[in-house]
Amino acid sequence: MAQKFGNGRWVQEGFLDNRVDGTVVGQVVFAVIGPVDFYLHGNFKPDIAGEVIRFRNSRFEDDDMAGQVIGDMANPQLGTVNLISLDPHPNLEPHPYVEWFTLKKDHYRFQLNAGDAWVLSEEERTGVDAESRRIRETLVDRTADRPGSDDHSDWI
């Protein structure tokens, strides 16, 4: 079962960077928890592969229920990309979708409304360069184990 983060409403904002092939690094701000660093093995789907995306959730809610559901979420999030795309399904309207497995085999995903995420321009990328580099350098040695998926999943 996946943790869906209150149908995405507990995801406030963040960025994810796939400019280094085989890794996605970034930071996501969650209700109650605050900023969480990400270091995931894998790549974005072809629609945004090799890019940097930023998102701001138009439905964000910082409610107390988030603490009860996601309060024990690990920080940083280390694991494997399952699917990260701005157009995840050909039969649905394009929308931001982020799904991953942690090293402990927890399964998380969130989706946002169309327009809540965008690919950064070259100029905008410079604004996340230092943070991406910090995350990559700090966490690279902590991601040696490769997680696998199982039936356990927590929607966020």
Protein backbone atom coordinates (compact mmCIF):
# COMPACT_ATOMS: atom_id res chain seq x y z
CA MET A 1 0.00 0.00 0.00
CA ALA A 2 1.42 3.42 -0.95
CA GLN A 3 1.44 6.50 1.27
CA LYS A 4 -0.33 9.14 -0.81
CA PHE A 5 0.35 12.22 1.37
CA GLY A 6 -3.31 13.16 1.77
CA ASN A 7 -3.96 13.07 -1.99
CA GLY A 8 -0.95 15.31 -2.45
CA ARG A 9 -2.28 18.09 -0.22
CA TRP A 10 0.54 17.63 2.33
CA VAL A 11 3.22 18.35 -0.29
CA GLN A 12 3.90 22.09 -0.26
CA GLU A 13 6.72 22.67 -2.75
CA GLY A 14 10.12 21.50 -3.87
CA PHE A 15 12.46 20.63 -6.68
CA LEU A 16 13.90 17.45 -8.18
CA ASP A 17 17.06 17.36 -10.30
CA ASN A 18 17.85 14.59 -12.83
CA ARG A 19 20.83 16.27 -14.57
CA VAL A 20 23.20 13.46 -13.47
CA ASP A 21 22.13 10.32 -15.32
CA GLY A 22 20.98 7.58 -12.95
CA THR A 23 20.19 9.84 -9.99
CA VAL A 24 17.49 12.21 -8.87
CA VAL A 25 18.28 14.60 -6.02
CA GLY A 26 16.17 17.34 -4.56
CA GLN A 27 14.16 18.65 -1.68
CA VAL A 28 10.45 18.47 -0.94
CA VAL A 29 8.68 20.47 1.77
CA PHE A 30 5.92 18.49 3.52
CA ALA A 31 3.22 19.59 5.95
CA VAL A 32 4.32 19.32 9.60
CA ILE A 33 7.72 17.77 8.66
CA GLY A 34 9.21 20.62 6.63
CA PRO A 35 12.03 20.15 4.09
CA VAL A 36 13.15 16.59 3.26
CA ASP A 37 16.20 15.87 1.09
CA PHE A 38 15.95 13.22 -1.65
CA TYR A 39 18.61 11.02 -3.24
CA LEU A 40 17.08 8.42 -5.53
CA HIS A 41 18.64 6.03 -8.04
CA GLY A 42 16.98 6.19 -11.45
CA ASN A 43 15.79 8.82 -13.91
CA PHE A 44 12.73 10.85 -14.75
CA LYS A 45 10.51 9.46 -17.52
CA PRO A 46 11.41 10.58 -21.07
CA ASP A 47 9.11 13.63 -21.03
CA ILE A 48 11.49 15.35 -18.56
CA ALA A 49 14.60 13.11 -18.43
CA GLY A 50 17.77 15.06 -17.67
CA GLU A 51 15.86 18.12 -16.47
CA VAL A 52 15.22 19.94 -13.20
CA ILE A 53 11.61 20.40 -12.12
CA ARG A 54 10.14 22.66 -9.48
CA PHE A 55 6.67 22.40 -8.03
CA ARG A 56 4.35 24.44 -5.83
CA ASN A 57 1.14 22.73 -4.71
CA SER A 58 -2.00 24.80 -5.25
CA ARG A 59 -3.90 22.44 -2.89
CA PHE A 60 -1.39 22.43 0.01
CA GLU A 61 -2.82 21.98 3.52
CA ASP A 62 -0.65 22.10 6.64
CA ASP A 63 -3.04 20.22 8.92
CA ASP A 64 -2.39 18.21 12.09
CA MET A 65 -3.47 14.93 10.46
CA ALA A 66 -0.28 15.05 8.37
CA GLY A 67 1.79 14.61 11.54
CA GLN A 68 -0.11 11.46 12.46
CA VAL A 69 0.28 9.95 8.99
CA ILE A 70 3.72 11.07 7.80
CA GLY A 71 5.36 12.33 11.00
CA ASP A 72 7.79 9.38 11.07
CA MET A 73 8.89 9.77 7.45
CA ALA A 74 12.67 9.43 7.15
CA ASN A 75 14.75 12.48 6.34
CA PRO A 76 16.55 12.13 3.99
CA GLN A 77 14.58 9.95 1.58
CA LEU A 78 17.00 7.46 0.02
CA GLY A 79 15.90 4.91 -2.55
CA THR A 80 14.84 4.32 -6.12
CA VAL A 81 12.67 6.23 -8.57
CA ASN A 82 9.59 4.30 -9.63
CA LEU A 83 8.03 7.02 -11.82
CA ILE A 84 8.61 10.78 -12.01
CA SER A 85 6.86 12.56 -14.86
CA LEU A 86 4.79 15.60 -15.81
CA ASP A 87 2.77 13.40 -18.22
CA PRO A 88 2.61 9.96 -16.57
CA HIS A 89 -0.25 8.32 -18.49
CA PRO A 90 -1.30 8.71 -22.14
CA ASN A 91 -5.01 8.49 -21.31
CA LEU A 92 -5.00 11.15 -18.58
CA GLU A 93 -4.49 14.90 -18.62
CA PRO A 94 -0.79 15.69 -18.02
CA HIS A 95 -0.04 16.29 -14.34
CA PRO A 96 3.00 16.06 -12.02
CA TYR A 97 3.47 12.56 -10.58
CA VAL A 98 6.28 11.46 -8.25
CA GLU A 99 6.65 7.88 -6.98
CA TRP A 100 9.59 6.17 -5.26
CA PHE A 101 10.68 3.28 -3.04
CA THR A 102 12.96 3.86 -0.05
CA LEU A 103 15.91 1.69 0.91
CA LYS A 104 13.66 0.28 3.64
CA LYS A 105 11.14 -0.63 0.91
CA ASP A 106 8.57 1.98 1.89
CA HIS A 107 6.56 3.11 -1.13
CA TYR A 108 5.56 6.76 -1.50
CA ARG A 109 3.85 8.78 -4.20
CA PHE A 110 2.12 12.08 -4.78
CA GLN A 111 0.45 13.76 -7.69
CA LEU A 112 -0.31 17.42 -8.17
CA ASN A 113 -2.64 19.44 -10.37
CA ALA A 114 -1.64 20.25 -13.92
CA GLY A 115 0.36 23.47 -13.85
CA ASP A 116 1.70 22.92 -10.31
CA ALA A 117 5.11 21.80 -11.69
CA TRP A 118 7.38 23.00 -14.46
CA VAL A 119 10.79 22.35 -16.02
CA LEU A 120 13.29 24.99 -14.96
CA SER A 121 14.97 27.23 -17.50
CA GLU A 122 18.77 27.36 -17.66
CA GLU A 123 18.70 30.57 -15.62
CA GLU A 124 16.36 29.08 -12.98
CA ARG A 125 18.58 25.98 -12.66
CA THR A 126 21.41 28.07 -11.24
CA GLY A 127 19.14 28.76 -8.27
CA VAL A 128 19.19 25.07 -7.28
CA ASP A 129 22.76 24.18 -8.32
CA ALA A 130 24.31 24.63 -4.87
CA GLU A 131 21.51 22.74 -3.10
CA SER A 132 21.63 19.86 -5.62
CA ARG A 133 25.39 19.62 -5.24
CA ARG A 134 25.13 19.65 -1.40
CA ILE A 135 22.53 16.86 -1.41
CA ARG A 136 24.44 14.77 -3.96
CA GLU A 137 27.77 15.08 -2.10
CA THR A 138 26.26 14.55 1.36
CA LEU A 139 24.12 11.51 0.53
CA VAL A 140 25.97 9.62 -2.23
CA ASP A 141 27.68 7.27 0.24
CA ARG A 142 24.42 6.47 2.05
CA THR A 143 22.65 4.98 -0.98
CA ALA A 144 24.73 1.85 -1.60
CA ASP A 145 21.86 -0.58 -0.94
CA ARG A 146 19.41 -0.85 -3.80
CA PRO A 147 15.80 -1.20 -2.64
CA GLY A 148 13.27 -3.50 -4.21
CA SER A 149 9.56 -3.08 -4.24
CA ASP A 150 7.15 -5.13 -2.22
CA ASP A 151 3.47 -5.02 -1.38
CA HIS A 152 3.88 -2.40 1.35
CA SER A 153 3.15 1.12 0.17
CA ASP A 154 2.29 4.39 1.88
CA TRP A 155 0.39 7.06 -0.08
CA ILE A 156 1.33 10.62 0.73
